N, C-alpha and C. Protein backbone atom coordinates (compact mmCIF):
# COMPACT_ATOMS: atom_id res chain seq x y z
N MET A 1 56.56 86.19 79.62
CA MET A 1 57.26 85.95 80.85
C MET A 1 57.67 87.29 81.46
N LYS A 2 57.39 87.48 82.72
CA LYS A 2 57.71 88.72 83.40
C LYS A 2 59.16 88.71 83.86
N THR A 3 59.87 89.78 83.57
CA THR A 3 61.26 89.87 84.03
C THR A 3 61.28 90.51 85.40
N GLN A 4 62.19 90.05 86.24
CA GLN A 4 62.30 90.56 87.59
C GLN A 4 63.31 91.69 87.61
N SER A 5 62.97 92.75 88.30
CA SER A 5 63.86 93.90 88.39
C SER A 5 64.66 93.81 89.69
N TYR A 6 65.96 93.95 89.58
CA TYR A 6 66.84 93.92 90.75
C TYR A 6 67.45 95.29 90.93
N ARG A 7 67.58 95.70 92.17
CA ARG A 7 68.23 96.97 92.46
C ARG A 7 69.73 96.75 92.56
N HIS A 8 70.46 97.69 92.06
CA HIS A 8 71.91 97.68 92.16
C HIS A 8 72.29 98.03 93.60
N ASN A 9 73.42 97.53 94.05
CA ASN A 9 73.87 97.78 95.42
C ASN A 9 73.93 99.27 95.74
N LEU A 10 74.37 100.08 94.77
CA LEU A 10 74.43 101.53 94.99
C LEU A 10 73.05 102.13 95.23
N GLU A 11 72.07 101.63 94.52
CA GLU A 11 70.70 102.11 94.70
C GLU A 11 70.18 101.74 96.09
N ILE A 12 70.52 100.57 96.56
CA ILE A 12 70.11 100.13 97.90
C ILE A 12 70.78 101.00 98.96
N ILE A 13 72.07 101.24 98.80
CA ILE A 13 72.79 102.08 99.76
C ILE A 13 72.20 103.49 99.78
N ALA A 14 71.91 104.03 98.61
CA ALA A 14 71.31 105.37 98.54
C ALA A 14 69.95 105.39 99.24
N SER A 15 69.17 104.34 99.08
CA SER A 15 67.85 104.31 99.74
C SER A 15 67.99 104.25 101.26
N ILE A 16 69.01 103.54 101.75
CA ILE A 16 69.26 103.50 103.19
C ILE A 16 69.68 104.87 103.69
N LEU A 17 70.62 105.51 102.98
CA LEU A 17 71.06 106.84 103.37
C LEU A 17 69.88 107.82 103.38
N GLU A 18 69.06 107.76 102.35
CA GLU A 18 67.88 108.63 102.26
C GLU A 18 66.95 108.39 103.46
N GLU A 19 66.72 107.14 103.77
CA GLU A 19 65.84 106.78 104.88
C GLU A 19 66.37 107.31 106.21
N CYS A 20 67.68 107.38 106.34
CA CYS A 20 68.30 107.76 107.61
C CYS A 20 68.55 109.26 107.73
N ARG A 21 67.87 110.05 106.92
CA ARG A 21 67.93 111.51 107.11
C ARG A 21 67.32 111.86 108.47
N SER A 22 66.40 111.04 108.91
CA SER A 22 65.85 111.12 110.27
C SER A 22 66.29 109.87 111.00
N PRO A 23 66.45 109.92 112.31
CA PRO A 23 66.89 108.73 113.05
C PRO A 23 65.93 107.56 112.82
N ARG A 24 66.49 106.40 112.50
CA ARG A 24 65.69 105.20 112.21
C ARG A 24 66.28 103.98 112.90
N ILE A 25 65.40 103.14 113.41
CA ILE A 25 65.84 101.85 113.94
C ILE A 25 65.91 100.86 112.78
N ILE A 26 66.59 99.77 112.99
CA ILE A 26 66.85 98.84 111.89
C ILE A 26 65.57 98.27 111.27
N SER A 27 64.55 98.05 112.08
CA SER A 27 63.30 97.51 111.51
C SER A 27 62.62 98.53 110.59
N GLU A 28 62.73 99.82 110.89
CA GLU A 28 62.18 100.84 110.01
C GLU A 28 62.96 100.90 108.70
N ILE A 29 64.28 100.83 108.81
CA ILE A 29 65.12 100.83 107.62
C ILE A 29 64.77 99.63 106.74
N SER A 30 64.67 98.48 107.36
CA SER A 30 64.34 97.26 106.64
C SER A 30 63.00 97.39 105.91
N ARG A 31 62.00 97.84 106.62
CA ARG A 31 60.65 97.94 106.07
C ARG A 31 60.57 98.99 104.95
N HIS A 32 61.16 100.16 105.17
CA HIS A 32 61.03 101.26 104.21
C HIS A 32 61.92 101.11 102.98
N THR A 33 62.96 100.27 103.08
CA THR A 33 63.83 100.05 101.92
C THR A 33 63.58 98.70 101.26
N ASN A 34 62.62 97.97 101.77
CA ASN A 34 62.24 96.67 101.22
C ASN A 34 63.41 95.68 101.23
N LEU A 35 64.10 95.64 102.38
CA LEU A 35 65.20 94.69 102.58
C LEU A 35 64.86 93.78 103.75
N SER A 36 65.43 92.60 103.73
CA SER A 36 65.28 91.74 104.91
C SER A 36 66.02 92.40 106.07
N HIS A 37 65.67 92.00 107.27
CA HIS A 37 66.34 92.54 108.46
C HIS A 37 67.84 92.28 108.39
N ASP A 38 68.21 91.08 107.97
CA ASP A 38 69.62 90.71 107.87
C ASP A 38 70.36 91.57 106.84
N ALA A 39 69.76 91.77 105.68
CA ALA A 39 70.39 92.58 104.63
C ALA A 39 70.53 94.03 105.07
N ALA A 40 69.50 94.56 105.72
CA ALA A 40 69.57 95.94 106.22
C ALA A 40 70.64 96.06 107.30
N SER A 41 70.74 95.08 108.16
CA SER A 41 71.76 95.09 109.22
C SER A 41 73.17 95.07 108.64
N ARG A 42 73.40 94.20 107.67
CA ARG A 42 74.72 94.12 107.04
C ARG A 42 75.11 95.45 106.41
N ARG A 43 74.19 96.03 105.68
CA ARG A 43 74.51 97.27 104.98
C ARG A 43 74.65 98.45 105.93
N THR A 44 73.85 98.52 106.98
CA THR A 44 74.02 99.63 107.93
C THR A 44 75.34 99.50 108.68
N ARG A 45 75.77 98.27 108.97
CA ARG A 45 77.10 98.09 109.60
C ARG A 45 78.19 98.59 108.67
N LEU A 46 78.10 98.26 107.38
CA LEU A 46 79.07 98.70 106.39
C LEU A 46 79.08 100.23 106.29
N LEU A 47 77.91 100.83 106.20
CA LEU A 47 77.81 102.28 106.08
C LEU A 47 78.32 102.99 107.34
N THR A 48 78.07 102.40 108.49
CA THR A 48 78.56 102.96 109.75
C THR A 48 80.08 102.86 109.82
N ALA A 49 80.62 101.71 109.43
CA ALA A 49 82.08 101.51 109.45
C ALA A 49 82.79 102.47 108.51
N ASN A 50 82.11 102.91 107.45
CA ASN A 50 82.71 103.83 106.49
C ASN A 50 82.34 105.29 106.74
N GLY A 51 81.70 105.56 107.87
CA GLY A 51 81.42 106.94 108.27
C GLY A 51 80.26 107.60 107.56
N LEU A 52 79.39 106.82 106.90
CA LEU A 52 78.24 107.40 106.20
C LEU A 52 77.00 107.44 107.07
N LEU A 53 76.95 106.58 108.07
CA LEU A 53 75.89 106.57 109.07
C LEU A 53 76.53 106.60 110.45
N GLU A 54 75.79 107.13 111.41
CA GLU A 54 76.23 107.02 112.79
C GLU A 54 75.13 106.32 113.59
N LEU A 55 75.56 105.61 114.59
CA LEU A 55 74.65 104.85 115.44
C LEU A 55 74.50 105.60 116.75
N LYS A 56 73.26 105.87 117.12
CA LYS A 56 72.98 106.61 118.35
C LYS A 56 72.05 105.80 119.23
N ALA A 57 72.32 105.85 120.51
CA ALA A 57 71.41 105.23 121.48
C ALA A 57 70.40 106.29 121.89
N SER A 58 69.14 105.91 121.94
CA SER A 58 68.11 106.86 122.35
C SER A 58 66.98 106.11 123.06
N VAL A 59 66.03 106.87 123.53
CA VAL A 59 64.89 106.29 124.24
C VAL A 59 63.63 106.68 123.48
N ARG A 60 62.79 105.70 123.21
CA ARG A 60 61.49 105.92 122.56
C ARG A 60 60.40 105.40 123.48
N LYS A 61 59.23 106.01 123.35
CA LYS A 61 58.08 105.47 124.07
C LYS A 61 57.53 104.32 123.25
N LYS A 62 57.07 103.29 123.93
CA LYS A 62 56.58 102.11 123.22
C LYS A 62 55.12 101.85 123.59
N GLY A 63 54.33 101.67 122.57
CA GLY A 63 52.94 101.25 122.75
C GLY A 63 52.11 102.21 123.56
N HIS A 64 50.98 101.72 124.03
CA HIS A 64 50.03 102.54 124.78
C HIS A 64 50.50 102.77 126.21
N SER A 65 51.34 101.91 126.71
CA SER A 65 51.80 102.05 128.10
C SER A 65 52.71 103.25 128.26
N GLY A 66 53.38 103.63 127.20
CA GLY A 66 54.28 104.77 127.27
C GLY A 66 55.58 104.48 127.99
N ASN A 67 55.82 103.19 128.27
CA ASN A 67 57.07 102.84 128.94
C ASN A 67 58.24 103.11 128.01
N PRO A 68 59.32 103.68 128.55
CA PRO A 68 60.47 103.97 127.70
C PRO A 68 61.16 102.69 127.24
N LYS A 69 61.68 102.75 126.03
CA LYS A 69 62.42 101.63 125.47
C LYS A 69 63.72 102.18 124.89
N HIS A 70 64.83 101.58 125.27
CA HIS A 70 66.12 101.98 124.72
C HIS A 70 66.30 101.36 123.35
N VAL A 71 66.64 102.18 122.37
CA VAL A 71 66.81 101.71 120.99
C VAL A 71 68.11 102.25 120.41
N ARG A 72 68.55 101.58 119.35
CA ARG A 72 69.71 102.04 118.59
C ARG A 72 69.19 102.58 117.27
N GLU A 73 69.48 103.83 117.01
CA GLU A 73 69.01 104.49 115.80
C GLU A 73 70.18 104.89 114.91
N TYR A 74 69.95 104.79 113.61
CA TYR A 74 70.94 105.19 112.62
C TYR A 74 70.56 106.55 112.07
N LEU A 75 71.58 107.38 111.85
CA LEU A 75 71.38 108.72 111.30
C LEU A 75 72.49 109.00 110.30
N ILE A 76 72.13 109.61 109.17
CA ILE A 76 73.12 109.92 108.14
C ILE A 76 74.11 110.96 108.67
N THR A 77 75.37 110.82 108.30
CA THR A 77 76.41 111.78 108.68
C THR A 77 76.57 112.81 107.57
N GLN A 78 77.40 113.82 107.82
CA GLN A 78 77.69 114.81 106.79
C GLN A 78 78.33 114.14 105.57
N LYS A 79 79.23 113.21 105.82
CA LYS A 79 79.87 112.47 104.73
C LYS A 79 78.82 111.68 103.94
N GLY A 80 77.88 111.08 104.63
CA GLY A 80 76.80 110.35 103.98
C GLY A 80 75.93 111.27 103.14
N MET A 81 75.65 112.48 103.65
CA MET A 81 74.86 113.46 102.90
C MET A 81 75.59 113.85 101.61
N GLU A 82 76.91 114.03 101.69
CA GLU A 82 77.68 114.39 100.51
C GLU A 82 77.64 113.28 99.46
N ILE A 83 77.78 112.05 99.91
CA ILE A 83 77.72 110.91 98.99
C ILE A 83 76.34 110.82 98.35
N LEU A 84 75.29 111.00 99.13
CA LEU A 84 73.93 110.94 98.62
C LEU A 84 73.68 112.05 97.59
N GLN A 85 74.19 113.24 97.85
CA GLN A 85 74.03 114.35 96.90
C GLN A 85 74.77 114.05 95.60
N ARG A 86 75.95 113.48 95.70
CA ARG A 86 76.71 113.13 94.49
C ARG A 86 76.00 112.03 93.70
N TYR A 87 75.44 111.06 94.42
CA TYR A 87 74.69 109.98 93.77
C TYR A 87 73.48 110.56 93.02
N ASP A 88 72.75 111.45 93.68
CA ASP A 88 71.58 112.07 93.05
C ASP A 88 71.99 112.88 91.82
N ARG A 89 73.11 113.59 91.93
CA ARG A 89 73.60 114.38 90.80
C ARG A 89 73.99 113.47 89.63
N LEU A 90 74.67 112.39 89.93
CA LEU A 90 75.06 111.43 88.89
C LEU A 90 73.83 110.84 88.20
N LYS A 91 72.82 110.48 88.97
CA LYS A 91 71.58 109.96 88.38
C LYS A 91 70.96 110.98 87.43
N GLU A 92 70.96 112.23 87.85
CA GLU A 92 70.39 113.29 87.03
C GLU A 92 71.19 113.46 85.74
N LEU A 93 72.51 113.46 85.85
CA LEU A 93 73.36 113.58 84.65
C LEU A 93 73.13 112.43 83.69
N LEU A 94 73.03 111.23 84.22
CA LEU A 94 72.80 110.07 83.36
C LEU A 94 71.43 110.10 82.72
N ARG A 95 70.44 110.56 83.46
CA ARG A 95 69.08 110.65 82.93
C ARG A 95 69.04 111.63 81.76
N VAL A 96 69.69 112.76 81.92
CA VAL A 96 69.74 113.78 80.86
C VAL A 96 70.54 113.25 79.67
N GLY A 97 71.68 112.61 79.94
CA GLY A 97 72.54 112.10 78.88
C GLY A 97 71.87 111.03 78.04
N PHE A 98 71.07 110.18 78.66
CA PHE A 98 70.42 109.10 77.92
C PHE A 98 69.12 109.51 77.27
N SER A 99 68.61 110.68 77.62
CA SER A 99 67.35 111.12 77.01
C SER A 99 67.59 111.89 75.72
N ASP A 100 68.86 112.20 75.42
CA ASP A 100 69.18 112.92 74.18
C ASP A 100 68.99 112.03 72.97
């Protein structure tokens, strides 16, 4: 019987923060972090409310027509970068500690 692997909430948050190092719309975040649109939306709202992401309005070209489209993009904040660095450091410490 195959066991199913579940990601911990912290791992999901870290993947969202990592994804948002560059401006991303919610559908990109959803697709690249393997979350439903609803789950990605809930978590980005939480991260934005806690100052780890910022929401920016921007204009992107859409399709072959090149018509501008107004979008809302998420981008990691300095606080988010610090949290992500601490998370990565903790993972590294745990990896080293458990390999002894």
